[in-house]
Protein backbone atom coordinates (compact mmCIF):
# COMPACT_ATOMS: atom_id res chain seq x y z
CA UNK A 1 134.83 146.54 73.58
CA UNK A 2 132.21 145.36 71.12
CA UNK A 3 131.31 141.76 70.65
CA UNK A 4 130.17 139.82 67.68
CA UNK A 5 126.44 138.99 68.14
CA UNK A 6 127.16 135.38 67.21
CA UNK A 7 129.98 134.93 69.71
CA UNK A 8 129.67 133.09 73.02
CA UNK A 9 131.24 135.93 74.99
CA UNK A 10 129.59 139.11 76.17
CA UNK A 11 131.17 142.40 77.28
CA UNK A 12 134.62 142.09 78.90
CA UNK A 13 134.75 138.46 77.75
CA UNK A 14 132.07 137.30 80.23
CA UNK A 15 130.14 134.28 78.97
CA UNK A 16 126.84 135.20 77.44
CA UNK A 17 123.92 133.31 79.04
CA UNK A 18 122.28 130.69 76.87
CA UNK A 19 118.98 131.77 75.35
CA UNK A 20 116.91 129.54 77.67
CA UNK A 21 119.46 128.91 80.40
CA UNK A 22 122.55 126.79 80.66
CA UNK A 23 123.01 123.27 82.02
CA UNK A 24 122.83 124.33 85.68
CA UNK A 25 119.62 126.30 85.08
CA UNK A 26 117.98 123.44 83.19
CA UNK A 27 118.99 120.97 85.91
CA UNK A 28 117.43 123.25 88.53
CA UNK A 29 114.31 123.78 86.44
CA UNK A 30 113.84 120.07 85.77
CA UNK A 31 114.70 119.19 89.35
CA UNK A 32 112.06 121.54 90.74
CA UNK A 33 109.52 120.24 88.22
CA UNK A 34 110.31 116.59 88.95
CA UNK A 35 110.21 117.22 92.71
CA UNK A 36 106.79 118.86 92.50
CA UNK A 37 105.39 116.05 90.32
CA UNK A 38 106.78 113.40 92.66
CA UNK A 39 105.33 115.14 95.72
CA UNK A 40 101.93 115.23 94.02
CA UNK A 41 102.15 111.54 93.12
CA UNK A 42 103.13 110.32 96.57
CA UNK A 43 100.56 112.52 98.31
CA UNK A 44 98.10 109.84 97.20
CA UNK A 45 100.06 107.47 99.48
CA UNK A 46 99.88 110.04 102.30
CA UNK A 47 103.65 110.56 102.11
CA UNK A 48 105.94 113.54 101.73
CA UNK A 49 109.24 113.30 99.83
CA UNK A 50 111.29 113.30 103.08
CA UNK A 51 109.14 110.50 104.49
CA UNK A 52 109.57 108.50 101.30
CA UNK A 53 113.32 109.10 101.50
CA UNK A 54 113.49 107.81 105.06
CA UNK A 55 111.53 104.67 104.16
CA UNK A 56 113.94 104.01 101.29
CA UNK A 57 116.95 104.56 103.57
CA UNK A 58 115.59 102.15 106.19
CA UNK A 59 114.91 99.49 103.58
CA UNK A 60 118.49 99.80 102.30
CA UNK A 61 120.16 99.98 105.73
CA UNK A 62 117.86 98.84 108.54
CA UNK A 63 118.74 99.32 112.17
CA UNK A 64 120.51 102.66 111.85
CA UNK A 65 120.33 105.10 114.71
CA UNK A 66 118.13 108.15 114.65
CA UNK A 67 121.28 110.28 114.87
CA UNK A 68 122.84 108.68 111.76
CA UNK A 69 119.63 109.05 109.79
CA UNK A 70 119.18 112.66 110.87
CA UNK A 71 122.75 113.41 109.78
CA UNK A 72 122.22 111.76 106.38
CA UNK A 73 119.00 113.71 105.86
CA UNK A 74 120.68 116.94 106.95
CA UNK A 75 118.21 117.38 109.82
CA UNK A 76 119.04 118.24 113.42
CA UNK A 77 118.16 115.36 115.76
CA UNK A 78 115.61 117.56 117.54
CA UNK A 79 113.67 117.84 114.25
CA UNK A 80 114.18 114.21 113.28
CA UNK A 81 112.50 112.76 116.39
CA UNK A 82 109.02 114.23 115.71
CA UNK A 83 109.51 113.47 112.01
CA UNK A 84 110.09 109.78 112.82
CA UNK A 85 107.32 109.85 115.45
CA UNK A 86 104.75 110.46 112.72
CA UNK A 87 105.86 107.43 110.74
CA UNK A 88 105.96 105.30 113.89
CA UNK A 89 102.41 106.37 114.83
CA UNK A 90 101.26 105.27 111.38
CA UNK A 91 102.84 101.85 111.96
CA UNK A 92 105.40 102.24 109.15
CA UNK A 93 108.57 102.19 111.26
CA UNK A 94 109.51 100.97 114.70
CA UNK A 95 112.19 101.91 117.17
CA UNK A 96 114.18 99.19 118.85
CA UNK A 97 116.91 99.55 121.43
CA UNK A 98 120.32 99.34 119.82
CA UNK A 99 121.92 96.08 120.97
CA UNK A 100 125.40 97.66 121.10
CA UNK A 101 124.42 100.94 122.79
CA UNK A 102 121.21 100.89 124.82
CA UNK A 103 121.09 104.70 124.82
CA UNK A 104 120.36 104.65 121.08
CA UNK A 105 117.33 103.54 119.13
CA UNK A 106 117.64 101.64 115.89
CA UNK A 107 114.93 102.25 113.31
CA UNK A 108 113.37 99.51 111.22
CA UNK A 109 110.56 99.28 108.70
CA UNK A 110 107.49 97.33 109.78
CA UNK A 111 105.60 94.97 107.48
CA UNK A 112 103.22 97.83 106.78
CA UNK A 113 106.22 100.04 105.96
CA UNK A 114 107.56 97.48 103.49
CA UNK A 115 104.13 97.22 101.87
CA UNK A 116 103.95 100.98 101.44
CA UNK A 117 107.48 100.99 100.08
CA UNK A 118 106.33 98.53 97.40
CA UNK A 119 103.57 100.93 96.38
CA UNK A 120 106.09 103.76 96.41
CA UNK A 121 108.34 101.81 94.03
CA UNK A 122 105.51 101.58 91.51
CA UNK A 123 104.89 105.31 91.75
CA UNK A 124 108.61 105.99 91.31
CA UNK A 125 108.76 103.90 88.11
CA UNK A 126 105.79 105.76 86.62
CA UNK A 127 107.37 109.06 87.65
CA UNK A 128 110.69 108.20 86.02
CA UNK A 129 108.92 107.18 82.82
CA UNK A 130 106.97 110.43 82.69
CA UNK A 131 109.94 112.68 83.44
CA UNK A 132 112.27 110.88 81.02
CA UNK A 133 109.70 110.10 78.35
CA UNK A 134 111.59 112.08 75.70
CA UNK A 135 114.69 109.86 76.04
CA UNK A 136 115.49 106.40 74.75
CA UNK A 137 116.74 103.75 77.21
CA UNK A 138 120.29 104.32 75.96
CA UNK A 139 119.97 108.08 76.42
CA UNK A 140 118.56 107.59 79.93
CA UNK A 141 121.54 105.43 80.84
CA UNK A 142 123.97 107.97 79.45
CA UNK A 143 122.26 110.86 81.25
CA UNK A 144 122.17 108.89 84.52
CA UNK A 145 125.91 108.23 84.31
CA UNK A 146 126.69 111.87 83.61
CA UNK A 147 124.44 113.14 86.40
CA UNK A 148 125.96 110.67 88.89
CA UNK A 149 129.42 111.92 87.96
CA UNK A 150 128.40 115.56 88.46
CA UNK A 151 126.66 114.76 91.78
CA UNK A 152 129.72 112.89 93.03
CA UNK A 153 132.02 115.75 92.07
CA UNK A 154 129.73 118.13 93.97
CA UNK A 155 129.99 115.95 97.09
CA UNK A 156 126.31 115.02 97.21
CA UNK A 157 125.25 111.99 99.26
CA UNK A 158 123.85 109.32 96.93
CA UNK A 159 120.15 108.74 97.47
CA UNK A 160 119.63 111.78 99.73
CA UNK A 161 117.73 114.71 98.27
CA UNK A 162 119.21 118.04 99.34
CA UNK A 163 115.67 119.36 99.71
CA UNK A 164 115.46 117.47 103.03
CA UNK A 165 117.68 120.22 104.44
CA UNK A 166 114.65 122.50 104.25
CA UNK A 167 113.25 120.54 107.19
CA UNK A 168 115.93 122.02 109.44
CA UNK A 169 113.84 124.96 110.44
CA UNK A 170 110.38 123.37 110.43
């Protein structure tokens, strides 16, 4: 079977790849680029992306158990404990006994953690502006709505970067 060079189908009717990648490729390319830029930016705050994610989660829902947070981050509890230990040693989070189940610890941001989170918010705004600089405010809103719809359909947890799963084996 021969195909017309201008058609969208290749041999045996298979879709022909876009010249510079399709939507999924561009999302992956931009995602990797944005992740790297963000990691570089927050390194100045002595944070990694997973640490920044945990601080954001604790600000949004304080007092959650280590187990719940580990599950949301896609980390086994045995990896989460030393991960949280580092932030506790820096004075950014604190563990408190869970009032309902004394076997569990509830995690909370400290005042120092909230202050760092404020700095992180400023970095995040600058990052968003740089990454989306080619778009108008209306286009950003439209893209955000479309991406949220795709992420929801894929079953992704809002606000949790799937890259945290890479911490499973570390």
